[in-house]
Structures are given as structure tokens and as C-alpha cells.
Amino acid sequence: MNKLVTIDLWQTIMGESDFSAFSPNRRKLKCEAIYAYLKKIHNDLAYEDVERSHDYVVSLIAKYSRFHSDLLFKDWLILLIRKIDIKNKINLNSQQIKNLGKIIDEIFISYPPDIFEGTSEFLDYLKHNDYKIGIISNTGFNSPESYKTLLKKNNIFFDVLSLSNELGIAKPNSKIFIQTLEKVNIEPAHSIHIGDNPVADVLGALHIGMDAILISKAGRTKPVNNKVHQVIDNIGLAKESILSWSEKFPKRKY
């Protein structure tokens, strides 16, 4: 019997040292890089407009996720440009838009979030015990390609990857969970999702019949009901939770 463990990214296996997903330094570097690139194309550009527009897009991405939705990364880039350039003086072709995305990605890759302690050991355990591994994550203002690069760089392996701004849907939308399971042909009853958000991660998974483990970030978040399999402080404790979850399945007979 194949079993699937899906894992959230932000604030579950990666983030800042305080468990947040926000880095003031990375934000500043992104805004400076966006400004420097667009300034070459249109000299009459204020840094404050770039900064304000960047923050607007990041806030809107978070708002979209609350409605179980996302846009493709390219569409967020176009929205950023339109917000900066309300008078339509900056005309970027498709290649220039791609280049802007690459500049944003370079900051993310060069100044990445931390990978939380215990992540590698947990993934190794899953791999060597024949679990399928999936990643299901809402993404923020970074491209799917940048996530794939970061995961590869940190030896974070998976059988299936579902990113909200590559699919145009966000947790807790049932579709992102269902599509993930369909890609590896595993039933919800044989799957469990691990994440830090009581709604997006836990309720999203439970709604389609998966089990769920809540990462409480040292007690900062609480489950919204008692249907969650377990609540644990951090990913370093996930192995024991998976062991207890596996006990619900019949043992193999040889």
C-alpha cells in the first residue's frame, strides 16, 4: 500500500529564524533590484513607487490566498509594473518581463529563507521507508522556478510538487490537494498533510479526506477542531507523528 506525506513550505520546513515568512532585508533588496532594472528603461521613476507597489502586490497575493486563489507569477509581475507605472510609460516586452522575474528570483535564491532543523532527517526517513513525498505550498512573490532551484540546492526531494502560482489555485482550495494526489495515484485515506496553517493546511487536507498534522510553531497556532491527527511544535518532531499515523494501516503479511 503506497502512502503519501505532503508538506507545506513556508513556516513548516522553511522561513526566518522567528518562524515568520517575512524578511525585511530580502524585501529591501528586491525593491532595490526592481528599481534599478526599471530605472534603465524609464528614468523618471521614484523608488518610493516601487516600494509601495511591491508591498501592494505582496499584500494582494496574501488576500488572494484567503479566497483559495492565486495568479501565475507572470501575471503578478504584470500587475506590479502596472501599479508602479499608472501612466503607462513603461512598456516592457515579454522578455523584459521575464528578466524582471529573474531579478526578483535572484534575490530570493541569493538571500534565501532558512531550512528548518530536522527537515533533511525527516525527508530521509520518509524516503527510506517507502513513503511518497509531496510538497503543496502557497508561494508568495517568487516564481515556481525559484522554489525548484532552492529545493534542489538544499537536497529537498519530492515525488510531486504543487505550487499555487504555477497552478493558479491556493490552499485550502480542494483542487490543489486533489491534483497532487492524482499525480501519484494515491487515495486521500492513505495520505497525510503537514503544515502550519490551521485553515489552509489542516482544514484543506481534512476536507478531501486526508489526515493532517499541524505545526504549532512552539504553540503559536492552535487547531480549529479536534480532527487533526497531531499538533507538534516543529518539523523535527514529525517522524514520531508519521509513525503513529502509520499504525492505522494493516501490517504487511509475508
C-alpha atoms as a PDB file:
ATOM      1  CA  MET A   1       0.000   0.000   0.000  1.00  0.00           C
ATOM      2  CA  ASN A   2       1.501   3.312  -1.097  1.00  0.00           C
ATOM      3  CA  LYS A   3       1.200   6.156   1.376  1.00  0.00           C
ATOM      4  CA  LEU A   4       1.755   9.854   0.698  1.00  0.00           C
ATOM      5  CA  VAL A   5       3.063  12.551   3.024  1.00  0.00           C
ATOM      6  CA  THR A   6       2.589  16.078   1.710  1.00  0.00           C
ATOM      7  CA  ILE A   7       4.365  19.015   3.293  1.00  0.00           C
ATOM      8  CA  ASP A   8       3.886  22.774   3.279  1.00  0.00           C
ATOM      9  CA  LEU A   9       6.915  25.022   2.704  1.00  0.00           C
ATOM     10  CA  TRP A  10       6.626  28.398   4.437  1.00  0.00           C
ATOM     11  CA  GLN A  11       6.792  28.272   8.234  1.00  0.00           C
ATOM     12  CA  THR A  12       6.739  24.466   8.091  1.00  0.00           C
ATOM     13  CA  ILE A  13      10.118  23.492   6.660  1.00  0.00           C
ATOM     14  CA  MET A  14      11.457  26.943   5.775  1.00  0.00           C
ATOM     15  CA  GLY A  15      11.226  30.540   6.899  1.00  0.00           C
ATOM     16  CA  GLU A  16      13.018  33.080   9.035  1.00  0.00           C
ATOM     17  CA  SER A  17      14.559  32.311  12.409  1.00  0.00           C
ATOM     18  CA  ASP A  18      11.414  33.570  14.182  1.00  0.00           C
ATOM     19  CA  PHE A  19       9.249  31.160  12.118  1.00  0.00           C
ATOM     20  CA  SER A  20       7.889  34.043  10.036  1.00  0.00           C
ATOM     21  CA  ALA A  21       7.804  34.178   6.232  1.00  0.00           C
ATOM     22  CA  PHE A  22       8.870  37.840   6.094  1.00  0.00           C
ATOM     23  CA  SER A  23      12.406  39.145   5.736  1.00  0.00           C
ATOM     24  CA  PRO A  24      12.814  42.962   5.817  1.00  0.00           C
ATOM     25  CA  ASN A  25      16.252  42.596   4.256  1.00  0.00           C
ATOM     26  CA  ARG A  26      15.018  40.450   1.363  1.00  0.00           C
ATOM     27  CA  ARG A  27      12.137  42.873   0.770  1.00  0.00           C
ATOM     28  CA  LYS A  28      14.552  45.814   0.633  1.00  0.00           C
ATOM     29  CA  LEU A  29      16.903  44.035  -1.760  1.00  0.00           C
ATOM     30  CA  LYS A  30      14.037  43.057  -4.048  1.00  0.00           C
ATOM     31  CA  CYS A  31      12.712  46.610  -4.183  1.00  0.00           C
ATOM     32  CA  GLU A  32      16.181  47.990  -4.908  1.00  0.00           C
ATOM     33  CA  ALA A  33      16.737  45.449  -7.679  1.00  0.00           C
ATOM     34  CA  ILE A  34      13.340  46.134  -9.268  1.00  0.00           C
ATOM     35  CA  TYR A  35      14.012  49.871  -9.135  1.00  0.00           C
ATOM     36  CA  ALA A  36      17.480  49.541 -10.677  1.00  0.00           C
ATOM     37  CA  TYR A  37      16.151  47.443 -13.557  1.00  0.00           C
ATOM     38  CA  LEU A  38      13.125  49.614 -14.363  1.00  0.00           C
ATOM     39  CA  LYS A  39      15.128  52.823 -13.977  1.00  0.00           C
ATOM     40  CA  LYS A  40      17.191  51.788 -17.014  1.00  0.00           C
ATOM     41  CA  ILE A  41      14.006  51.536 -19.057  1.00  0.00           C
ATOM     42  CA  HIS A  42      12.239  54.614 -17.723  1.00  0.00           C
ATOM     43  CA  ASN A  43      14.406  57.185 -15.994  1.00  0.00           C
ATOM     44  CA  ASP A  44      11.512  59.111 -14.449  1.00  0.00           C
ATOM     45  CA  LEU A  45      10.887  56.586 -11.703  1.00  0.00           C
ATOM     46  CA  ALA A  46      10.669  57.049  -7.934  1.00  0.00           C
ATOM     47  CA  TYR A  47      11.966  54.367  -5.582  1.00  0.00           C
ATOM     48  CA  GLU A  48       9.040  55.001  -3.256  1.00  0.00           C
ATOM     49  CA  ASP A  49       6.618  53.996  -6.016  1.00  0.00           C
ATOM     50  CA  VAL A  50       8.468  50.713  -6.490  1.00  0.00           C
ATOM     51  CA  GLU A  51       8.471  50.010  -2.772  1.00  0.00           C
ATOM     52  CA  ARG A  52       4.796  50.842  -2.358  1.00  0.00           C
ATOM     53  CA  SER A  53       3.817  48.792  -5.417  1.00  0.00           C
ATOM     54  CA  HIS A  54       5.856  45.783  -4.301  1.00  0.00           C
ATOM     55  CA  ASP A  55       4.168  45.811  -0.900  1.00  0.00           C
ATOM     56  CA  TYR A  56       0.772  46.167  -2.561  1.00  0.00           C
ATOM     57  CA  VAL A  57       1.351  43.078  -4.711  1.00  0.00           C
ATOM     58  CA  VAL A  58       2.630  41.026  -1.762  1.00  0.00           C
ATOM     59  CA  SER A  59      -0.434  42.049   0.256  1.00  0.00           C
ATOM     60  CA  LEU A  60      -2.747  41.208  -2.642  1.00  0.00           C
ATOM     61  CA  ILE A  61      -1.174  37.758  -3.024  1.00  0.00           C
ATOM     62  CA  ALA A  62      -1.973  37.094   0.637  1.00  0.00           C
ATOM     63  CA  LYS A  63      -5.530  38.344   0.094  1.00  0.00           C
ATOM     64  CA  TYR A  64      -5.980  36.062  -2.921  1.00  0.00           C
ATOM     65  CA  SER A  65      -4.859  33.071  -0.863  1.00  0.00           C
ATOM     66  CA  ARG A  66      -7.582  33.798   1.675  1.00  0.00           C
ATOM     67  CA  PHE A  67     -10.017  33.240  -1.187  1.00  0.00           C
ATOM     68  CA  HIS A  68      -8.267  29.982  -2.154  1.00  0.00           C
ATOM     69  CA  SER A  69      -6.810  31.527  -5.292  1.00  0.00           C
ATOM     70  CA  ASP A  70      -3.583  32.745  -6.882  1.00  0.00           C
ATOM     71  CA  LEU A  71      -2.334  34.178 -10.163  1.00  0.00           C
ATOM     72  CA  LEU A  72       0.518  32.876 -12.246  1.00  0.00           C
ATOM     73  CA  PHE A  73       3.855  34.500 -11.400  1.00  0.00           C
ATOM     74  CA  LYS A  74       3.981  36.320 -14.758  1.00  0.00           C
ATOM     75  CA  ASP A  75       0.584  37.875 -14.052  1.00  0.00           C
ATOM     76  CA  TRP A  76       1.807  39.180 -10.704  1.00  0.00           C
ATOM     77  CA  LEU A  77       4.797  40.748 -12.483  1.00  0.00           C
ATOM     78  CA  ILE A  78       2.487  42.499 -14.943  1.00  0.00           C
ATOM     79  CA  LEU A  79       0.338  43.753 -12.067  1.00  0.00           C
ATOM     80  CA  LEU A  80       3.456  45.076 -10.310  1.00  0.00           C
ATOM     81  CA  ILE A  81       4.516  47.014 -13.411  1.00  0.00           C
ATOM     82  CA  ARG A  82       1.034  48.483 -13.861  1.00  0.00           C
ATOM     83  CA  LYS A  83       0.914  49.531 -10.221  1.00  0.00           C
ATOM     84  CA  ILE A  84       4.308  51.234 -10.462  1.00  0.00           C
ATOM     85  CA  ASP A  85       3.503  52.825 -13.808  1.00  0.00           C
ATOM     86  CA  ILE A  86      -0.067  54.075 -13.556  1.00  0.00           C
ATOM     87  CA  LYS A  87       0.522  56.421 -16.533  1.00  0.00           C
ATOM     88  CA  ASN A  88       1.625  53.520 -18.768  1.00  0.00           C
ATOM     89  CA  LYS A  89       5.020  54.994 -19.597  1.00  0.00           C
ATOM     90  CA  ILE A  90       6.940  51.754 -19.013  1.00  0.00           C
ATOM     91  CA  ASN A  91       6.390  49.394 -21.931  1.00  0.00           C
ATOM     92  CA  LEU A  92       8.054  46.056 -21.281  1.00  0.00           C
ATOM     93  CA  ASN A  93       8.052  43.269 -23.814  1.00  0.00           C
ATOM     94  CA  SER A  94       7.662  39.644 -22.752  1.00  0.00           C
ATOM     95  CA  GLN A  95      11.417  39.091 -22.485  1.00  0.00           C
ATOM     96  CA  GLN A  96      11.871  42.167 -20.292  1.00  0.00           C
ATOM     97  CA  ILE A  97       9.090  40.929 -18.019  1.00  0.00           C
ATOM     98  CA  LYS A  98      10.870  37.569 -17.774  1.00  0.00           C
ATOM     99  CA  ASN A  99      14.112  39.377 -16.954  1.00  0.00           C
ATOM    100  CA  LEU A 100      12.383  41.282 -14.161  1.00  0.00           C
ATOM    101  CA  GLY A 101      11.146  37.977 -12.756  1.00  0.00           C
ATOM    102  CA  LYS A 102      14.660  36.554 -12.891  1.00  0.00           C
ATOM    103  CA  ILE A 103      15.990  39.560 -10.980  1.00  0.00           C
ATOM    104  CA  ILE A 104      13.419  39.012  -8.223  1.00  0.00           C
ATOM    105  CA  ASP A 105      14.273  35.312  -8.167  1.00  0.00           C
ATOM    106  CA  GLU A 106      17.997  36.009  -7.886  1.00  0.00           C
ATOM    107  CA  ILE A 107      17.401  37.895  -4.643  1.00  0.00           C
ATOM    108  CA  PHE A 108      15.325  35.016  -3.275  1.00  0.00           C
ATOM    109  CA  ILE A 109      17.985  32.445  -4.184  1.00  0.00           C
ATOM    110  CA  SER A 110      20.918  34.590  -3.020  1.00  0.00           C
ATOM    111  CA  TYR A 111      19.267  35.545   0.285  1.00  0.00           C
ATOM    112  CA  PRO A 112      17.077  32.524   0.956  1.00  0.00           C
ATOM    113  CA  PRO A 113      14.956  31.648   3.971  1.00  0.00           C
ATOM    114  CA  ASP A 114      16.344  29.143   6.440  1.00  0.00           C
ATOM    115  CA  ILE A 115      15.596  25.449   6.057  1.00  0.00           C
ATOM    116  CA  PHE A 116      14.416  24.399   9.497  1.00  0.00           C
ATOM    117  CA  GLU A 117      16.354  21.920  11.572  1.00  0.00           C
ATOM    118  CA  GLY A 118      15.072  18.384  11.221  1.00  0.00           C
ATOM    119  CA  THR A 119      13.817  18.780   7.647  1.00  0.00           C
ATOM    120  CA  SER A 120      16.536  16.724   5.960  1.00  0.00           C
ATOM    121  CA  GLU A 121      16.357  13.960   8.552  1.00  0.00           C
ATOM    122  CA  PHE A 122      12.575  13.732   8.207  1.00  0.00           C
ATOM    123  CA  LEU A 123      12.705  13.546   4.412  1.00  0.00           C
ATOM    124  CA  ASP A 124      15.406  10.877   4.613  1.00  0.00           C
ATOM    125  CA  TYR A 125      13.193   8.851   6.939  1.00  0.00           C
ATOM    126  CA  LEU A 126      10.239   9.095   4.541  1.00  0.00           C
ATOM    127  CA  LYS A 127      12.349   8.157   1.535  1.00  0.00           C
ATOM    128  CA  HIS A 128      13.918   5.131   3.177  1.00  0.00           C
ATOM    129  CA  ASN A 129      10.563   3.890   4.437  1.00  0.00           C
ATOM    130  CA  ASP A 130       8.878   3.967   1.031  1.00  0.00           C
ATOM    131  CA  TYR A 131       6.582   6.927   1.556  1.00  0.00           C
ATOM    132  CA  LYS A 132       5.748   9.101  -1.420  1.00  0.00           C
ATOM    133  CA  ILE A 133       6.649  12.730  -0.716  1.00  0.00           C
ATOM    134  CA  GLY A 134       4.680  15.721  -1.930  1.00  0.00           C
ATOM    135  CA  ILE A 135       5.023  19.448  -1.438  1.00  0.00           C
ATOM    136  CA  ILE A 136       1.915  21.639  -1.520  1.00  0.00           C
ATOM    137  CA  SER A 137       2.559  25.316  -0.900  1.00  0.00           C
ATOM    138  CA  ASN A 138       1.206  28.795  -1.395  1.00  0.00           C
ATOM    139  CA  THR A 139       4.066  30.753  -2.842  1.00  0.00           C
ATOM    140  CA  GLY A 140       4.196  34.499  -2.340  1.00  0.00           C
ATOM    141  CA  PHE A 141       6.059  36.730  -4.803  1.00  0.00           C
ATOM    142  CA  ASN A 142       8.649  34.250  -6.073  1.00  0.00           C
ATOM    143  CA  SER A 143       8.480  32.147  -9.223  1.00  0.00           C
ATOM    144  CA  PRO A 144       7.898  28.382  -9.261  1.00  0.00           C
ATOM    145  CA  GLU A 145      11.339  28.021 -10.857  1.00  0.00           C
ATOM    146  CA  SER A 146      12.988  29.792  -7.921  1.00  0.00           C
ATOM    147  CA  TYR A 147      11.389  27.349  -5.482  1.00  0.00           C
ATOM    148  CA  LYS A 148      12.548  24.382  -7.537  1.00  0.00           C
ATOM    149  CA  THR A 149      16.079  25.806  -7.573  1.00  0.00           C
ATOM    150  CA  LEU A 150      16.049  26.425  -3.821  1.00  0.00           C
ATOM    151  CA  LEU A 151      14.696  22.959  -3.038  1.00  0.00           C
ATOM    152  CA  LYS A 152      17.270  21.285  -5.264  1.00  0.00           C
ATOM    153  CA  LYS A 153      20.061  23.367  -3.739  1.00  0.00           C
ATOM    154  CA  ASN A 154      19.054  22.142  -0.274  1.00  0.00           C
ATOM    155  CA  ASN A 155      18.560  18.493  -1.312  1.00  0.00           C
ATOM    156  CA  ILE A 156      14.848  18.658  -0.596  1.00  0.00           C
ATOM    157  CA  PHE A 157      13.458  15.887  -2.759  1.00  0.00           C
ATOM    158  CA  PHE A 158       9.864  15.056  -3.613  1.00  0.00           C
ATOM    159  CA  ASP A 159       7.712  12.913  -5.878  1.00  0.00           C
ATOM    160  CA  VAL A 160       5.178  15.631  -6.613  1.00  0.00           C
ATOM    161  CA  LEU A 161       5.257  19.421  -6.290  1.00  0.00           C
ATOM    162  CA  SER A 162       2.204  21.711  -6.295  1.00  0.00           C
ATOM    163  CA  LEU A 163       2.830  25.463  -6.097  1.00  0.00           C
ATOM    164  CA  SER A 164      -0.056  27.914  -6.028  1.00  0.00           C
ATOM    165  CA  ASN A 165       1.356  30.409  -8.554  1.00  0.00           C
ATOM    166  CA  GLU A 166       2.105  27.635 -11.018  1.00  0.00           C
ATOM    167  CA  LEU A 167      -1.446  26.261 -10.821  1.00  0.00           C
ATOM    168  CA  GLY A 168      -3.486  29.407 -10.170  1.00  0.00           C
ATOM    169  CA  ILE A 169      -5.111  27.893  -7.079  1.00  0.00           C
ATOM    170  CA  ALA A 170      -4.134  28.119  -3.430  1.00  0.00           C
ATOM    171  CA  LYS A 171      -4.693  26.156  -0.249  1.00  0.00           C
ATOM    172  CA  PRO A 172      -7.196  25.461   1.213  1.00  0.00           C
ATOM    173  CA  ASN A 173      -8.788  25.004  -2.230  1.00  0.00           C
ATOM    174  CA  SER A 174      -9.568  21.300  -2.544  1.00  0.00           C
ATOM    175  CA  LYS A 175      -8.303  21.260  -6.132  1.00  0.00           C
ATOM    176  CA  ILE A 176      -4.657  21.759  -5.171  1.00  0.00           C
ATOM    177  CA  PHE A 177      -4.802  18.761  -2.823  1.00  0.00           C
ATOM    178  CA  ILE A 178      -6.786  16.575  -5.226  1.00  0.00           C
ATOM    179  CA  GLN A 179      -4.493  17.332  -8.179  1.00  0.00           C
ATOM    180  CA  THR A 180      -1.460  16.481  -6.073  1.00  0.00           C
ATOM    181  CA  LEU A 181      -2.847  13.097  -5.057  1.00  0.00           C
ATOM    182  CA  GLU A 182      -3.941  12.310  -8.601  1.00  0.00           C
ATOM    183  CA  LYS A 183      -0.403  12.850  -9.892  1.00  0.00           C
ATOM    184  CA  VAL A 184       0.867   9.995  -7.717  1.00  0.00           C
ATOM    185  CA  ASN A 185      -2.351   7.958  -7.844  1.00  0.00           C
ATOM    186  CA  ILE A 186      -2.837   7.747  -4.077  1.00  0.00           C
ATOM    187  CA  GLU A 187      -6.166   7.955  -2.263  1.00  0.00           C
ATOM    188  CA  PRO A 188      -6.827  10.670   0.355  1.00  0.00           C
ATOM    189  CA  ALA A 189      -7.319   7.964   3.010  1.00  0.00           C
ATOM    190  CA  HIS A 190      -3.694   6.916   2.503  1.00  0.00           C
ATOM    191  CA  SER A 191      -2.349  10.470   2.669  1.00  0.00           C
ATOM    192  CA  ILE A 192      -1.454  12.997   5.335  1.00  0.00           C
ATOM    193  CA  HIS A 193      -0.531  16.679   5.050  1.00  0.00           C
ATOM    194  CA  ILE A 194       1.808  18.608   7.352  1.00  0.00           C
ATOM    195  CA  GLY A 195       1.582  22.384   7.661  1.00  0.00           C
ATOM    196  CA  ASP A 196       1.446  25.363   9.991  1.00  0.00           C
ATOM    197  CA  ASN A 197      -1.867  26.940   8.970  1.00  0.00           C
ATOM    198  CA  PRO A 198      -4.954  25.562  10.767  1.00  0.00           C
ATOM    199  CA  VAL A 199      -7.196  26.536   7.848  1.00  0.00           C
ATOM    200  CA  ALA A 200      -5.127  26.395   4.654  1.00  0.00           C
ATOM    201  CA  ASP A 201      -3.213  23.268   5.629  1.00  0.00           C
ATOM    202  CA  VAL A 202      -5.315  21.354   8.130  1.00  0.00           C
ATOM    203  CA  LEU A 203      -8.882  22.074   7.017  1.00  0.00           C
ATOM    204  CA  GLY A 204      -7.845  21.996   3.369  1.00  0.00           C
ATOM    205  CA  ALA A 205      -6.463  18.484   3.756  1.00  0.00           C
ATOM    206  CA  LEU A 206      -9.239  17.197   6.013  1.00  0.00           C
ATOM    207  CA  HIS A 207     -11.900  18.433   3.594  1.00  0.00           C
ATOM    208  CA  ILE A 208     -10.849  15.940   0.907  1.00  0.00           C
ATOM    209  CA  GLY A 209     -10.372  13.043   3.334  1.00  0.00           C
ATOM    210  CA  MET A 210      -6.662  13.329   4.084  1.00  0.00           C
ATOM    211  CA  ASP A 211      -5.282  13.307   7.597  1.00  0.00           C
ATOM    212  CA  ALA A 212      -3.322  16.315   8.840  1.00  0.00           C
ATOM    213  CA  ILE A 213      -0.579  17.302  11.264  1.00  0.00           C
ATOM    214  CA  LEU A 214      -0.419  20.905  12.483  1.00  0.00           C
ATOM    215  CA  ILE A 215       2.937  22.588  13.075  1.00  0.00           C
ATOM    216  CA  SER A 216       2.198  24.869  16.023  1.00  0.00           C
ATOM    217  CA  LYS A 217       5.458  26.865  15.847  1.00  0.00           C
ATOM    218  CA  ALA A 218       6.121  26.317  19.538  1.00  0.00           C
ATOM    219  CA  GLY A 219       2.472  26.714  20.486  1.00  0.00           C
ATOM    220  CA  ARG A 220       1.713  29.849  18.466  1.00  0.00           C
ATOM    221  CA  THR A 221      -1.107  28.274  16.455  1.00  0.00           C
ATOM    222  CA  LYS A 222      -3.965  26.025  17.527  1.00  0.00           C
ATOM    223  CA  PRO A 223      -6.167  23.633  15.532  1.00  0.00           C
ATOM    224  CA  VAL A 224      -9.711  24.780  14.790  1.00  0.00           C
ATOM    225  CA  ASN A 225     -11.170  21.339  15.553  1.00  0.00           C
ATOM    226  CA  ASN A 226     -10.175  18.005  17.079  1.00  0.00           C
ATOM    227  CA  LYS A 227      -9.907  16.111  13.787  1.00  0.00           C
ATOM    228  CA  VAL A 228      -6.222  16.867  13.310  1.00  0.00           C
ATOM    229  CA  HIS A 229      -4.039  13.774  13.769  1.00  0.00           C
ATOM    230  CA  GLN A 230      -1.482  15.555  15.957  1.00  0.00           C
ATOM    231  CA  VAL A 231      -0.174  19.001  16.840  1.00  0.00           C
ATOM    232  CA  ILE A 232       3.620  19.265  17.019  1.00  0.00           C
ATOM    233  CA  ASP A 233       5.959  22.170  17.680  1.00  0.00           C
ATOM    234  CA  ASN A 234       8.185  21.801  14.626  1.00  0.00           C
ATOM    235  CA  ILE A 235       9.131  19.577  11.700  1.00  0.00           C
ATOM    236  CA  GLY A 236      11.813  17.877  13.783  1.00  0.00           C
ATOM    237  CA  LEU A 237       9.035  16.017  15.621  1.00  0.00           C
ATOM    238  CA  ALA A 238       7.197  14.865  12.504  1.00  0.00           C
ATOM    239  CA  LYS A 239       8.768  11.405  12.318  1.00  0.00           C
ATOM    240  CA  GLU A 240       7.040  10.276  15.517  1.00  0.00           C
ATOM    241  CA  SER A 241       3.722  11.636  14.219  1.00  0.00           C
ATOM    242  CA  ILE A 242       4.056   9.698  10.982  1.00  0.00           C
ATOM    243  CA  LEU A 243       4.904   6.550  12.919  1.00  0.00           C
ATOM    244  CA  SER A 244       1.726   6.891  14.981  1.00  0.00           C
ATOM    245  CA  TRP A 245      -0.322   7.690  11.855  1.00  0.00           C
ATOM    246  CA  SER A 246       1.002   4.574  10.125  1.00  0.00           C
ATOM    247  CA  GLU A 247      -0.370   2.394  12.918  1.00  0.00           C
ATOM    248  CA  LYS A 248      -3.885   2.851  11.493  1.00  0.00           C
ATOM    249  CA  PHE A 249      -2.941   0.779   8.448  1.00  0.00           C
ATOM    250  CA  PRO A 250      -2.850  -3.041   8.451  1.00  0.00           C
ATOM    251  CA  LYS A 251       0.587  -4.556   8.788  1.00  0.00           C
ATOM    252  CA  ARG A 252       2.019  -6.322   5.779  1.00  0.00           C
ATOM    253  CA  LYS A 253       1.852 -10.116   5.845  1.00  0.00           C
ATOM    254  CA  TYR A 254       4.800 -12.029   4.466  1.00  0.00           C
END
